[in-house]
Amino acid sequence: MNKYLAIFTGTADSDAGVAFRNLSEEERTEKVQAGMQAWSDWMMSNHAHVIDNGGPLSVTKLVNREGISDSHNTMSAYVIIEAENHAAAAQLFAEHPHFMIFPGDGVEVMEIVAMPG
C-alpha cells in the first residue's frame, strides 16, 4: 500500500464560501452539523485507509531566503491515507462532504514517495 497526502482546499472568498457565509445562522448551523456528521461517517467508512486523521489548517507563514512572512494559500485541512494506487486514493474522496456540503473547492491527493538515497 502506498501513502497519500490529501489536502482539502477552499477559501472564504470563493463563490461557495461567500454563499455559505450568506446563509442564515440557522441554515449555516444545520449545514455545519450535517457536514460534520458526513465527515465523521466518511472517516468511519474509510478508517482502514486512514493513517493520520489530520485536521484543519490555520494561518500560514512563509519561510525563504528573504526571511519569514505572512502568507496565504487555499489549504484548509489534511489527512494521510493508504491505498493501492493513486487512482484508488483519489476515488476515496469522490463526493466528499468537504465540497458536497461544506463550501470547499476540492481535495488534492498526492503520493508520499520515499526519500531519494
Protein backbone atom coordinates (compact mmCIF):
# COMPACT_ATOMS: atom_id res chain seq x y z
CA MET A 1 0.00 0.00 0.00
CA ASN A 2 1.20 3.49 -0.84
CA LYS A 3 0.77 6.57 1.33
CA TYR A 4 -1.04 9.69 0.10
CA LEU A 5 -1.41 13.19 1.46
CA ALA A 6 -4.83 14.68 0.82
CA ILE A 7 -5.05 18.45 1.06
CA PHE A 8 -8.51 19.97 1.32
CA THR A 9 -8.68 23.32 -0.47
CA GLY A 10 -11.01 26.28 -0.33
CA THR A 11 -11.21 29.87 0.77
CA ALA A 12 -13.83 32.02 2.41
CA ASP A 13 -13.62 34.35 -0.62
CA SER A 14 -14.66 31.67 -3.15
CA ASP A 15 -18.19 31.76 -4.57
CA ALA A 16 -19.12 28.77 -2.41
CA GLY A 17 -17.56 30.39 0.67
CA VAL A 18 -19.46 33.64 0.14
CA ALA A 19 -22.72 31.75 -0.43
CA PHE A 20 -22.10 29.76 2.76
CA ARG A 21 -21.49 32.93 4.78
CA ASN A 22 -24.67 34.47 3.32
CA LEU A 23 -26.86 31.67 4.69
CA SER A 24 -28.95 32.48 7.73
CA GLU A 25 -27.36 31.48 11.03
CA GLU A 26 -29.87 28.64 11.34
CA GLU A 27 -29.15 27.33 7.81
CA ARG A 28 -25.39 27.58 8.37
CA THR A 29 -25.66 25.73 11.70
CA GLU A 30 -27.69 22.96 10.06
CA LYS A 31 -25.16 22.65 7.21
CA VAL A 32 -22.24 22.53 9.65
CA GLN A 33 -23.93 19.82 11.71
CA ALA A 34 -24.79 17.80 8.59
CA GLY A 35 -21.27 18.31 7.23
CA MET A 36 -19.56 17.25 10.45
CA GLN A 37 -21.73 14.13 10.64
CA ALA A 38 -20.99 13.30 6.99
CA TRP A 39 -17.26 13.90 7.56
CA SER A 40 -17.33 11.63 10.61
CA ASP A 41 -19.19 8.99 8.57
CA TRP A 42 -16.56 9.30 5.81
CA MET A 43 -13.76 8.80 8.35
CA MET A 44 -15.52 5.74 9.81
CA SER A 45 -16.22 4.14 6.42
CA ASN A 46 -12.62 4.75 5.30
CA HIS A 47 -10.88 4.01 8.61
CA ALA A 48 -8.93 1.12 7.06
CA HIS A 49 -7.25 3.63 4.72
CA VAL A 50 -6.65 6.47 7.19
CA ILE A 51 -3.11 6.62 8.63
CA ASP A 52 -3.34 10.10 10.15
CA ASN A 53 -6.70 11.79 10.81
CA GLY A 54 -5.10 15.12 10.01
CA GLY A 55 -7.09 18.21 10.85
CA PRO A 56 -7.85 21.81 9.96
CA LEU A 57 -5.02 24.10 8.93
CA SER A 58 -4.62 27.65 10.23
CA VAL A 59 -2.68 30.75 9.24
CA THR A 60 0.45 30.35 7.14
CA LYS A 61 3.99 31.64 7.49
CA LEU A 62 6.33 31.53 4.50
CA VAL A 63 9.99 30.91 5.27
CA ASN A 64 12.51 31.59 2.49
CA ARG A 65 15.80 33.40 1.78
CA GLU A 66 14.17 36.74 2.48
CA GLY A 67 13.10 35.60 5.97
CA ILE A 68 9.69 34.87 7.45
CA SER A 69 6.46 36.49 6.31
CA ASP A 70 2.73 36.03 6.49
CA SER A 71 1.40 34.06 3.56
CA HIS A 72 -1.89 32.81 2.18
CA ASN A 73 -2.89 29.66 0.31
CA THR A 74 -6.02 27.62 -0.27
CA MET A 75 -5.11 24.70 2.01
CA SER A 76 -7.71 24.26 4.74
CA ALA A 77 -7.18 20.72 6.12
CA TYR A 78 -5.28 17.47 5.51
CA VAL A 79 -5.46 13.71 6.04
CA ILE A 80 -2.96 10.96 5.25
CA ILE A 81 -4.28 7.72 3.78
CA GLU A 82 -3.08 4.41 2.33
CA ALA A 83 -4.33 2.98 -0.95
CA GLU A 84 -3.28 0.52 -3.63
CA ASN A 85 -2.60 3.27 -6.19
CA HIS A 86 -3.14 6.96 -6.92
CA ALA A 87 -6.48 6.44 -8.67
CA ALA A 88 -7.82 4.41 -5.75
CA ALA A 89 -6.63 7.06 -3.31
CA ALA A 90 -8.35 9.83 -5.26
CA GLN A 91 -11.55 7.81 -5.57
CA LEU A 92 -11.86 7.72 -1.77
CA PHE A 93 -12.61 11.46 -1.90
CA ALA A 94 -15.27 11.39 -4.64
CA GLU A 95 -18.34 13.20 -3.27
CA HIS A 96 -16.55 14.09 -0.01
CA PRO A 97 -18.53 16.39 2.34
CA HIS A 98 -15.72 18.96 2.13
CA PHE A 99 -17.16 20.12 -1.20
CA MET A 100 -20.56 18.38 -1.28
CA ILE A 101 -21.85 20.01 1.94
CA PHE A 102 -19.17 22.46 3.05
CA PRO A 103 -18.02 25.21 0.66
CA GLY A 104 -14.64 23.61 -0.05
CA ASP A 105 -13.13 23.73 -3.54
CA GLY A 106 -11.77 20.19 -3.67
CA VAL A 107 -9.22 17.70 -2.38
CA GLU A 108 -5.73 17.42 -3.85
CA VAL A 109 -4.33 13.90 -3.45
CA MET A 110 -0.60 13.30 -3.86
CA GLU A 111 1.57 10.27 -3.21
CA ILE A 112 4.13 10.48 -0.44
CA VAL A 113 7.22 9.00 -2.07
CA ALA A 114 10.35 7.60 -0.44
CA MET A 115 13.21 9.98 0.16
CA PRO A 116 15.91 9.52 -2.51
CA GLY A 117 19.12 7.83 -1.46
